[in-house]
């Protein structure tokens, strides 16, 4: 009962859209889909996603817990223009000594990270969007190891990351609308 809920936290019932970057995910396996709706325009949310990484804006998650693992994580509370660009093949650092390859980078839309998944900013209107973290774990031994050792900690950390992005994007001051 708990596993289906946490594997699809934030997803609407029956929703399986084809997202940008879908082609770089494993074709088959256990699908992980976490998402959060944000009361801010997609173009104001994207910069928070673009600067994910230990050597950039952090992961907006439980910094203290990441640092127990030696990650030397510092979560940014502002947008840094120098952290906005990436290229396929670059690394997203998860630890000072470990990085995961960027598989997709479509500015304003999707950041794909090998062996993790894609983070997609999905506009829901002019002042609202959804951030979706979607990945797959291969069936067989990888899926068993993931389910037993990694799945729950990953869920708690990724959920906190999405909520951290939401908190930062929603508190960013926006110009007043003209009457």
N, C-alpha and C. Protein backbone atom coordinates (compact mmCIF):
# COMPACT_ATOMS: atom_id res chain seq x y z
N UNK A 1 0.82 -1.20 0.00
CA UNK A 1 0.00 0.00 0.00
C UNK A 1 0.87 1.27 0.00
N UNK A 2 1.94 1.25 0.78
CA UNK A 2 2.81 2.42 0.87
C UNK A 2 3.68 2.55 -0.38
N UNK A 3 4.18 1.43 -0.90
CA UNK A 3 5.10 1.49 -2.04
C UNK A 3 4.48 2.16 -3.26
N UNK A 4 3.29 1.77 -3.70
CA UNK A 4 2.72 2.46 -4.87
C UNK A 4 2.55 3.97 -4.62
N UNK A 5 2.20 4.35 -3.39
CA UNK A 5 2.04 5.77 -3.07
C UNK A 5 3.37 6.51 -3.21
N UNK A 6 4.43 5.98 -2.59
CA UNK A 6 5.68 6.74 -2.62
C UNK A 6 6.38 6.64 -3.97
N UNK A 7 6.13 5.62 -4.77
CA UNK A 7 6.72 5.55 -6.11
C UNK A 7 6.06 6.55 -7.06
N UNK A 8 4.86 7.01 -6.70
CA UNK A 8 4.15 7.95 -7.58
C UNK A 8 3.64 9.17 -6.83
N UNK A 9 4.40 9.60 -5.82
CA UNK A 9 4.00 10.75 -5.01
C UNK A 9 3.85 11.98 -5.89
N UNK A 10 2.68 12.61 -5.82
CA UNK A 10 2.41 13.83 -6.56
C UNK A 10 1.79 13.62 -7.93
N UNK A 11 1.79 12.38 -8.42
CA UNK A 11 1.22 12.12 -9.74
C UNK A 11 -0.30 11.99 -9.61
N UNK A 12 -1.00 12.50 -10.60
CA UNK A 12 -2.45 12.38 -10.61
C UNK A 12 -2.84 10.97 -11.04
N UNK A 13 -3.87 10.44 -10.47
CA UNK A 13 -4.32 9.07 -10.75
C UNK A 13 -4.46 8.82 -12.24
N UNK A 14 -3.83 7.77 -12.73
CA UNK A 14 -3.94 7.37 -14.13
C UNK A 14 -3.10 8.17 -15.09
N UNK A 15 -2.30 9.10 -14.59
CA UNK A 15 -1.53 9.99 -15.45
C UNK A 15 -0.19 9.36 -15.83
N UNK A 16 0.03 9.19 -17.11
CA UNK A 16 1.29 8.67 -17.63
C UNK A 16 1.68 9.42 -18.89
N UNK A 17 1.89 10.73 -18.82
CA UNK A 17 2.26 11.45 -20.05
C UNK A 17 3.68 11.11 -20.49
N UNK A 18 3.93 11.29 -21.75
CA UNK A 18 5.29 11.11 -22.28
C UNK A 18 6.00 12.46 -22.08
N UNK A 19 7.00 12.46 -21.24
CA UNK A 19 7.70 13.68 -20.87
C UNK A 19 8.93 13.89 -21.73
N UNK A 20 9.40 15.12 -21.84
CA UNK A 20 10.66 15.36 -22.53
C UNK A 20 11.77 14.57 -21.83
N UNK A 21 12.67 14.03 -22.62
CA UNK A 21 13.77 13.25 -22.07
C UNK A 21 13.44 11.79 -21.82
N UNK A 22 12.21 11.42 -22.09
CA UNK A 22 11.73 10.06 -21.85
C UNK A 22 12.61 9.02 -22.54
N UNK A 23 13.12 9.36 -23.72
CA UNK A 23 13.88 8.43 -24.54
C UNK A 23 15.21 8.01 -23.91
N UNK A 24 15.73 8.74 -22.94
CA UNK A 24 17.00 8.35 -22.32
C UNK A 24 16.81 7.46 -21.10
N UNK A 25 15.58 7.28 -20.65
CA UNK A 25 15.31 6.40 -19.51
C UNK A 25 15.31 4.95 -19.97
N UNK A 26 15.51 4.04 -19.04
CA UNK A 26 15.40 2.62 -19.37
C UNK A 26 14.03 2.35 -19.98
N UNK A 27 13.97 1.47 -20.93
CA UNK A 27 12.70 1.15 -21.60
C UNK A 27 11.75 0.40 -20.67
N UNK A 28 12.30 -0.42 -19.78
CA UNK A 28 11.47 -1.22 -18.88
C UNK A 28 12.05 -1.17 -17.48
N UNK A 29 11.21 -1.29 -16.50
CA UNK A 29 11.66 -1.30 -15.12
C UNK A 29 10.64 -0.67 -14.20
N UNK A 30 11.02 -0.55 -12.95
CA UNK A 30 10.16 0.08 -11.96
C UNK A 30 10.20 1.58 -12.18
N UNK A 31 9.04 2.16 -12.43
CA UNK A 31 8.95 3.59 -12.70
C UNK A 31 8.80 4.36 -11.40
N UNK A 32 9.56 5.43 -11.30
CA UNK A 32 9.49 6.32 -10.14
C UNK A 32 9.06 7.67 -10.65
N UNK A 33 8.03 8.23 -10.05
CA UNK A 33 7.45 9.48 -10.50
C UNK A 33 7.10 10.30 -9.27
N UNK A 34 7.83 11.36 -9.05
CA UNK A 34 7.53 12.28 -7.95
C UNK A 34 7.31 13.66 -8.55
N UNK A 35 6.28 14.36 -8.08
CA UNK A 35 6.04 15.69 -8.62
C UNK A 35 5.40 16.60 -7.59
N UNK A 36 5.54 17.89 -7.86
CA UNK A 36 4.96 18.90 -6.99
C UNK A 36 4.48 20.06 -7.87
N UNK A 37 3.32 20.60 -7.53
CA UNK A 37 2.80 21.77 -8.23
C UNK A 37 3.28 23.02 -7.51
N UNK A 38 3.65 24.02 -8.31
CA UNK A 38 4.27 25.23 -7.77
C UNK A 38 3.51 26.45 -8.28
N UNK A 39 3.21 27.35 -7.38
CA UNK A 39 2.53 28.60 -7.73
C UNK A 39 3.57 29.64 -8.15
N UNK A 40 4.17 29.39 -9.29
CA UNK A 40 5.14 30.30 -9.90
C UNK A 40 5.25 29.91 -11.37
N UNK A 41 5.55 30.86 -12.24
CA UNK A 41 5.72 30.55 -13.66
C UNK A 41 6.89 29.59 -13.89
N UNK A 42 6.77 28.75 -14.89
CA UNK A 42 7.80 27.76 -15.21
C UNK A 42 9.17 28.41 -15.41
N UNK A 43 9.20 29.58 -16.05
CA UNK A 43 10.50 30.21 -16.31
C UNK A 43 11.16 30.76 -15.05
N UNK A 44 10.41 30.88 -13.95
CA UNK A 44 11.00 31.28 -12.68
C UNK A 44 11.39 30.07 -11.84
N UNK A 45 10.84 28.92 -12.17
CA UNK A 45 11.15 27.69 -11.45
C UNK A 45 12.37 27.01 -12.06
N UNK A 46 12.47 27.05 -13.40
CA UNK A 46 13.57 26.37 -14.08
C UNK A 46 14.95 26.69 -13.52
N UNK A 47 15.30 27.94 -13.23
CA UNK A 47 16.66 28.22 -12.74
C UNK A 47 17.04 27.42 -11.49
N UNK A 48 16.06 27.10 -10.64
CA UNK A 48 16.34 26.29 -9.46
C UNK A 48 16.73 24.87 -9.87
N UNK A 49 16.07 24.36 -10.90
CA UNK A 49 16.38 23.01 -11.41
C UNK A 49 17.74 23.02 -12.10
N UNK A 50 17.99 24.03 -12.92
CA UNK A 50 19.23 24.09 -13.69
C UNK A 50 20.47 24.08 -12.81
N UNK A 51 20.36 24.62 -11.60
CA UNK A 51 21.54 24.71 -10.75
C UNK A 51 21.65 23.59 -9.72
N UNK A 52 20.94 22.47 -9.95
CA UNK A 52 21.08 21.31 -9.07
C UNK A 52 22.52 20.79 -9.11
N UNK A 53 23.01 20.35 -7.98
CA UNK A 53 24.33 19.73 -7.92
C UNK A 53 25.11 20.16 -6.70
N UNK A 54 25.94 19.27 -6.22
CA UNK A 54 26.75 19.53 -5.03
C UNK A 54 27.66 20.74 -5.23
N UNK A 55 28.17 20.92 -6.43
CA UNK A 55 29.08 22.02 -6.71
C UNK A 55 28.37 23.28 -7.19
N UNK A 56 27.05 23.25 -7.14
CA UNK A 56 26.25 24.41 -7.57
C UNK A 56 25.28 24.77 -6.44
N UNK A 57 23.98 24.63 -6.72
CA UNK A 57 22.97 25.05 -5.75
C UNK A 57 22.58 24.01 -4.73
N UNK A 58 23.20 22.85 -4.77
CA UNK A 58 22.81 21.77 -3.87
C UNK A 58 21.62 21.01 -4.43
N UNK A 59 20.94 20.29 -3.55
CA UNK A 59 19.75 19.54 -3.97
C UNK A 59 18.51 19.97 -3.18
N UNK A 60 18.62 21.04 -2.41
CA UNK A 60 17.49 21.62 -1.67
C UNK A 60 16.81 20.58 -0.78
N UNK A 61 17.57 19.62 -0.32
CA UNK A 61 17.02 18.53 0.47
C UNK A 61 17.53 18.65 1.90
N UNK A 62 17.72 17.52 2.56
CA UNK A 62 18.20 17.50 3.93
C UNK A 62 19.72 17.65 3.91
N UNK A 63 20.17 18.88 3.88
CA UNK A 63 21.59 19.19 3.79
C UNK A 63 22.39 18.47 4.87
N UNK A 64 21.89 18.48 6.10
CA UNK A 64 22.60 17.87 7.22
C UNK A 64 22.80 16.37 6.98
N UNK A 65 21.82 15.71 6.39
CA UNK A 65 21.92 14.29 6.13
C UNK A 65 22.91 14.00 4.99
N UNK A 66 22.85 14.81 3.96
CA UNK A 66 23.80 14.67 2.85
C UNK A 66 25.23 14.88 3.36
N UNK A 67 25.40 15.80 4.27
CA UNK A 67 26.73 16.09 4.80
C UNK A 67 27.23 15.00 5.74
N UNK A 68 26.33 14.24 6.36
CA UNK A 68 26.75 13.07 7.13
C UNK A 68 27.43 12.05 6.22
N UNK A 69 27.03 12.04 4.95
CA UNK A 69 27.62 11.13 3.96
C UNK A 69 28.84 11.76 3.28
N UNK A 70 29.31 12.91 3.79
CA UNK A 70 30.50 13.54 3.24
C UNK A 70 30.28 14.34 1.98
N UNK A 71 29.03 14.74 1.71
CA UNK A 71 28.72 15.43 0.45
C UNK A 71 29.15 16.90 0.42
N UNK A 72 29.41 17.49 1.57
CA UNK A 72 29.79 18.91 1.63
C UNK A 72 28.77 19.78 0.87
N UNK A 73 27.51 19.53 1.14
CA UNK A 73 26.39 20.17 0.43
C UNK A 73 26.05 21.51 1.08
N UNK A 74 25.84 22.50 0.23
CA UNK A 74 25.32 23.79 0.66
C UNK A 74 24.18 24.13 -0.29
N UNK A 75 22.97 24.19 0.23
CA UNK A 75 21.80 24.49 -0.59
C UNK A 75 21.65 25.99 -0.78
N UNK A 76 21.59 26.41 -2.04
CA UNK A 76 21.47 27.83 -2.37
C UNK A 76 20.06 28.33 -2.08
N UNK A 77 19.97 29.58 -1.70
CA UNK A 77 18.68 30.23 -1.50
C UNK A 77 18.48 31.36 -2.50
N UNK A 78 19.32 31.39 -3.52
CA UNK A 78 19.15 32.38 -4.59
C UNK A 78 19.63 31.78 -5.91
N UNK A 79 19.20 32.38 -6.97
CA UNK A 79 19.58 31.96 -8.31
C UNK A 79 20.96 32.52 -8.63
N UNK A 80 21.82 31.69 -9.19
CA UNK A 80 23.15 32.11 -9.62
C UNK A 80 23.23 31.97 -11.13
N UNK A 81 23.44 33.06 -11.83
CA UNK A 81 23.46 33.03 -13.30
C UNK A 81 24.58 32.13 -13.82
N UNK A 82 25.68 32.04 -13.11
CA UNK A 82 26.81 31.22 -13.57
C UNK A 82 26.54 29.72 -13.46
N UNK A 83 25.46 29.32 -12.82
CA UNK A 83 25.11 27.90 -12.67
C UNK A 83 23.98 27.47 -13.60
N UNK A 84 23.61 28.26 -14.56
CA UNK A 84 22.42 27.98 -15.37
C UNK A 84 22.68 27.16 -16.62
N UNK A 85 23.91 27.07 -17.06
CA UNK A 85 24.21 26.36 -18.31
C UNK A 85 24.86 25.02 -18.05
N UNK A 86 24.46 24.05 -18.85
CA UNK A 86 25.04 22.71 -18.82
C UNK A 86 25.03 22.18 -20.24
N UNK A 87 25.75 21.10 -20.45
CA UNK A 87 25.74 20.42 -21.74
C UNK A 87 25.62 18.92 -21.48
N UNK A 88 25.05 18.21 -22.44
CA UNK A 88 25.01 16.76 -22.35
C UNK A 88 26.45 16.27 -22.21
N UNK A 89 26.66 15.38 -21.25
CA UNK A 89 28.00 14.87 -20.97
C UNK A 89 28.64 15.53 -19.76
N UNK A 90 28.16 16.72 -19.38
CA UNK A 90 28.65 17.35 -18.14
C UNK A 90 28.29 16.46 -16.95
N UNK A 91 28.84 16.79 -15.80
CA UNK A 91 28.51 16.06 -14.59
C UNK A 91 27.64 16.90 -13.67
N UNK A 92 26.69 16.24 -13.02
CA UNK A 92 25.96 16.81 -11.89
C UNK A 92 26.58 16.15 -10.67
N UNK A 93 27.32 16.93 -9.91
CA UNK A 93 28.00 16.38 -8.74
C UNK A 93 26.97 16.03 -7.67
N UNK A 94 27.11 14.83 -7.09
CA UNK A 94 26.28 14.44 -5.96
C UNK A 94 27.12 14.34 -4.69
N UNK A 95 28.44 14.42 -4.88
CA UNK A 95 29.44 14.32 -3.83
C UNK A 95 30.70 14.97 -4.42
N UNK A 96 31.61 15.50 -3.61
CA UNK A 96 32.80 16.11 -4.20
C UNK A 96 33.57 15.18 -5.14
N UNK A 97 33.48 13.87 -4.91
CA UNK A 97 34.23 12.90 -5.72
C UNK A 97 33.37 12.14 -6.72
N UNK A 98 32.06 12.39 -6.73
CA UNK A 98 31.15 11.60 -7.56
C UNK A 98 30.19 12.50 -8.32
N UNK A 99 30.11 12.27 -9.61
CA UNK A 99 29.16 13.01 -10.44
C UNK A 99 28.41 12.05 -11.35
N UNK A 100 27.23 12.45 -11.75
CA UNK A 100 26.42 11.66 -12.69
C UNK A 100 26.29 12.47 -13.98
N UNK A 101 26.35 11.78 -15.09
CA UNK A 101 26.35 12.42 -16.40
C UNK A 101 25.01 13.06 -16.76
N UNK A 102 25.07 14.25 -17.33
CA UNK A 102 23.89 14.90 -17.87
C UNK A 102 23.54 14.19 -19.18
N UNK A 103 22.32 13.67 -19.27
CA UNK A 103 21.88 12.95 -20.47
C UNK A 103 20.98 13.81 -21.35
N UNK A 104 20.31 14.78 -20.74
CA UNK A 104 19.43 15.70 -21.47
C UNK A 104 19.54 17.05 -20.79
N UNK A 105 19.65 18.10 -21.59
CA UNK A 105 19.57 19.45 -21.02
C UNK A 105 18.85 20.32 -22.03
N UNK A 106 17.59 20.57 -21.75
CA UNK A 106 16.76 21.46 -22.57
C UNK A 106 16.40 22.64 -21.67
N UNK A 107 17.11 23.76 -21.81
CA UNK A 107 16.86 24.90 -20.92
C UNK A 107 15.38 25.26 -20.85
N UNK A 108 14.94 25.46 -19.63
CA UNK A 108 13.55 25.81 -19.39
C UNK A 108 12.64 24.61 -19.25
N UNK A 109 13.17 23.42 -19.53
CA UNK A 109 12.26 22.26 -19.61
C UNK A 109 12.74 21.01 -18.88
N UNK A 110 13.95 20.49 -19.19
CA UNK A 110 14.35 19.20 -18.63
C UNK A 110 15.85 19.10 -18.39
N UNK A 111 16.18 18.52 -17.24
CA UNK A 111 17.54 18.15 -16.88
C UNK A 111 17.53 16.65 -16.66
N UNK A 112 18.23 15.91 -17.52
CA UNK A 112 18.33 14.46 -17.38
C UNK A 112 19.65 14.09 -16.75
N UNK A 113 19.60 13.19 -15.76
CA UNK A 113 20.78 12.78 -15.02
C UNK A 113 20.86 11.25 -15.08
N UNK A 114 21.96 10.73 -15.66
CA UNK A 114 22.15 9.29 -15.83
C UNK A 114 22.10 8.56 -14.50
N UNK A 115 21.43 7.43 -14.48
CA UNK A 115 21.26 6.59 -13.30
C UNK A 115 20.46 7.27 -12.19
N UNK A 116 19.76 8.32 -12.53
CA UNK A 116 18.87 8.97 -11.57
C UNK A 116 17.52 9.21 -12.21
N UNK A 117 17.50 9.95 -13.32
CA UNK A 117 16.25 10.23 -14.01
C UNK A 117 16.23 11.65 -14.52
N UNK A 118 15.06 12.10 -14.87
CA UNK A 118 14.86 13.43 -15.45
C UNK A 118 14.09 14.31 -14.49
N UNK A 119 14.45 15.57 -14.46
CA UNK A 119 13.69 16.57 -13.72
C UNK A 119 13.10 17.50 -14.78
N UNK A 120 11.76 17.51 -14.84
CA UNK A 120 11.04 18.22 -15.89
C UNK A 120 10.22 19.34 -15.27
N UNK A 121 10.27 20.52 -15.88
CA UNK A 121 9.40 21.62 -15.48
C UNK A 121 8.27 21.66 -16.50
N UNK A 122 7.05 21.44 -16.03
CA UNK A 122 5.87 21.32 -16.88
C UNK A 122 4.93 22.49 -16.61
N UNK A 123 4.83 23.46 -17.54
CA UNK A 123 3.93 24.60 -17.33
C UNK A 123 2.47 24.16 -17.22
N UNK A 124 1.76 24.75 -16.26
CA UNK A 124 0.33 24.47 -16.09
C UNK A 124 -0.50 25.72 -16.37
N UNK A 125 0.12 26.76 -16.80
CA UNK A 125 -0.52 28.05 -17.06
C UNK A 125 0.52 29.13 -16.89
N UNK A 126 0.11 30.39 -17.00
CA UNK A 126 1.10 31.47 -16.94
C UNK A 126 1.77 31.64 -15.57
N UNK A 127 1.10 31.25 -14.50
CA UNK A 127 1.63 31.48 -13.16
C UNK A 127 1.73 30.22 -12.32
N UNK A 128 1.76 29.07 -12.99
CA UNK A 128 1.77 27.81 -12.25
C UNK A 128 2.48 26.75 -13.09
N UNK A 129 3.17 25.85 -12.41
CA UNK A 129 3.83 24.75 -13.12
C UNK A 129 3.95 23.56 -12.18
N UNK A 130 4.48 22.51 -12.73
CA UNK A 130 4.74 21.31 -11.95
C UNK A 130 6.17 20.90 -12.24
N UNK A 131 6.87 20.46 -11.20
CA UNK A 131 8.20 19.89 -11.37
C UNK A 131 8.06 18.39 -11.13
N UNK A 132 8.54 17.62 -12.11
CA UNK A 132 8.40 16.17 -12.08
C UNK A 132 9.79 15.55 -12.09
N UNK A 133 10.04 14.66 -11.15
CA UNK A 133 11.26 13.85 -11.15
C UNK A 133 10.83 12.44 -11.55
N UNK A 134 11.32 11.98 -12.71
CA UNK A 134 10.88 10.70 -13.25
C UNK A 134 12.07 9.85 -13.65
N UNK A 135 12.08 8.63 -13.18
CA UNK A 135 13.16 7.72 -13.52
C UNK A 135 12.68 6.28 -13.53
N UNK A 136 13.57 5.39 -13.91
CA UNK A 136 13.26 3.95 -13.90
C UNK A 136 14.46 3.19 -13.36
N UNK A 137 14.16 2.16 -12.61
CA UNK A 137 15.17 1.22 -12.12
C UNK A 137 14.93 -0.09 -12.85
N UNK A 138 15.98 -0.63 -13.46
CA UNK A 138 15.85 -1.87 -14.23
C UNK A 138 15.33 -3.02 -13.39
N UNK A 139 14.60 -3.91 -14.02
CA UNK A 139 14.07 -5.08 -13.33
C UNK A 139 15.19 -6.04 -12.98
N UNK A 140 14.90 -6.99 -12.13
CA UNK A 140 15.89 -7.97 -11.72
C UNK A 140 16.66 -7.50 -10.51
N UNK A 141 17.93 -7.85 -10.44
CA UNK A 141 18.76 -7.53 -9.29
C UNK A 141 18.81 -6.03 -8.98
N UNK A 142 18.98 -5.13 -9.99
CA UNK A 142 18.99 -3.70 -9.66
C UNK A 142 17.72 -3.25 -8.95
N UNK A 143 16.58 -3.76 -9.38
CA UNK A 143 15.31 -3.39 -8.77
C UNK A 143 15.20 -3.90 -7.33
N UNK A 144 15.70 -5.10 -7.10
CA UNK A 144 15.65 -5.68 -5.75
C UNK A 144 16.55 -4.89 -4.81
N UNK A 145 17.77 -4.61 -5.24
CA UNK A 145 18.70 -3.83 -4.41
C UNK A 145 18.12 -2.44 -4.14
N UNK A 146 17.59 -1.82 -5.18
CA UNK A 146 17.00 -0.49 -5.02
C UNK A 146 15.85 -0.54 -4.01
N UNK A 147 14.94 -1.51 -4.18
CA UNK A 147 13.76 -1.60 -3.30
C UNK A 147 14.16 -1.83 -1.85
N UNK A 148 15.17 -2.64 -1.62
CA UNK A 148 15.56 -2.98 -0.25
C UNK A 148 16.41 -1.92 0.43
N UNK A 149 17.28 -1.26 -0.33
CA UNK A 149 18.27 -0.39 0.31
C UNK A 149 18.13 1.10 0.03
N UNK A 150 17.61 1.43 -1.14
CA UNK A 150 17.69 2.82 -1.59
C UNK A 150 16.33 3.50 -1.72
N UNK A 151 15.31 2.74 -2.03
CA UNK A 151 14.01 3.31 -2.41
C UNK A 151 13.44 4.30 -1.40
N UNK A 152 13.33 3.93 -0.15
CA UNK A 152 12.73 4.86 0.83
C UNK A 152 13.61 6.07 1.10
N UNK A 153 14.93 5.91 1.34
CA UNK A 153 15.73 7.13 1.51
C UNK A 153 15.69 8.03 0.27
N UNK A 154 15.71 7.43 -0.91
CA UNK A 154 15.64 8.22 -2.15
C UNK A 154 14.32 9.00 -2.20
N UNK A 155 13.23 8.34 -1.85
CA UNK A 155 11.93 9.02 -1.85
C UNK A 155 11.94 10.22 -0.92
N UNK A 156 12.41 10.03 0.32
CA UNK A 156 12.39 11.13 1.28
C UNK A 156 13.28 12.29 0.82
N UNK A 157 14.43 11.97 0.25
CA UNK A 157 15.35 13.02 -0.21
C UNK A 157 14.79 13.73 -1.46
N UNK A 158 14.25 12.96 -2.41
CA UNK A 158 13.74 13.58 -3.63
C UNK A 158 12.48 14.40 -3.35
N UNK A 159 11.63 13.90 -2.47
CA UNK A 159 10.43 14.64 -2.08
C UNK A 159 10.84 15.98 -1.46
N UNK A 160 11.82 15.95 -0.56
CA UNK A 160 12.30 17.18 0.07
C UNK A 160 12.92 18.12 -0.96
N UNK A 161 13.62 17.55 -1.97
CA UNK A 161 14.19 18.38 -3.03
C UNK A 161 13.08 19.12 -3.77
N UNK A 162 12.04 18.40 -4.16
CA UNK A 162 10.93 19.04 -4.89
C UNK A 162 10.25 20.10 -4.02
N UNK A 163 10.03 19.79 -2.76
CA UNK A 163 9.43 20.78 -1.86
C UNK A 163 10.37 21.96 -1.63
N UNK A 164 11.69 21.71 -1.63
CA UNK A 164 12.67 22.79 -1.51
C UNK A 164 12.64 23.72 -2.71
N UNK A 165 12.50 23.15 -3.92
CA UNK A 165 12.36 23.96 -5.12
C UNK A 165 11.08 24.78 -5.04
N UNK A 166 10.00 24.15 -4.63
CA UNK A 166 8.70 24.83 -4.50
C UNK A 166 8.81 26.01 -3.53
N UNK A 167 9.39 25.76 -2.37
CA UNK A 167 9.52 26.81 -1.36
C UNK A 167 10.32 28.00 -1.90
N UNK A 168 11.43 27.72 -2.54
CA UNK A 168 12.28 28.79 -3.05
C UNK A 168 11.60 29.56 -4.18
N UNK A 169 10.97 28.84 -5.10
CA UNK A 169 10.31 29.50 -6.24
C UNK A 169 9.11 30.33 -5.80
N UNK A 170 8.35 29.83 -4.83
CA UNK A 170 7.16 30.55 -4.40
C UNK A 170 7.48 31.76 -3.54
N UNK A 171 8.64 31.80 -2.94
CA UNK A 171 8.99 32.98 -2.12
C UNK A 171 9.74 34.03 -2.91
N UNK A 172 10.11 33.71 -4.16
CA UNK A 172 10.79 34.68 -4.99
C UNK A 172 9.84 35.82 -5.31
N UNK A 173 10.19 37.05 -4.97
CA UNK A 173 9.29 38.17 -5.24
C UNK A 173 9.04 38.33 -6.75
N UNK A 174 7.81 38.59 -7.11
CA UNK A 174 7.45 38.81 -8.51
C UNK A 174 6.88 40.22 -8.62
N UNK A 175 7.07 40.85 -9.80
CA UNK A 175 6.53 42.18 -9.98
C UNK A 175 4.99 42.17 -9.86
N UNK A 176 4.45 43.23 -9.31
CA UNK A 176 3.01 43.34 -9.18
C UNK A 176 2.37 43.42 -10.56
N UNK A 177 1.21 42.81 -10.69
CA UNK A 177 0.45 42.83 -11.96
C UNK A 177 -0.21 44.20 -12.12
N UNK A 178 -0.16 44.73 -13.31
CA UNK A 178 -0.82 46.00 -13.59
C UNK A 178 -2.34 45.79 -13.59
N UNK A 179 -3.05 46.74 -13.05
CA UNK A 179 -4.52 46.61 -12.95
C UNK A 179 -5.19 47.00 -14.23
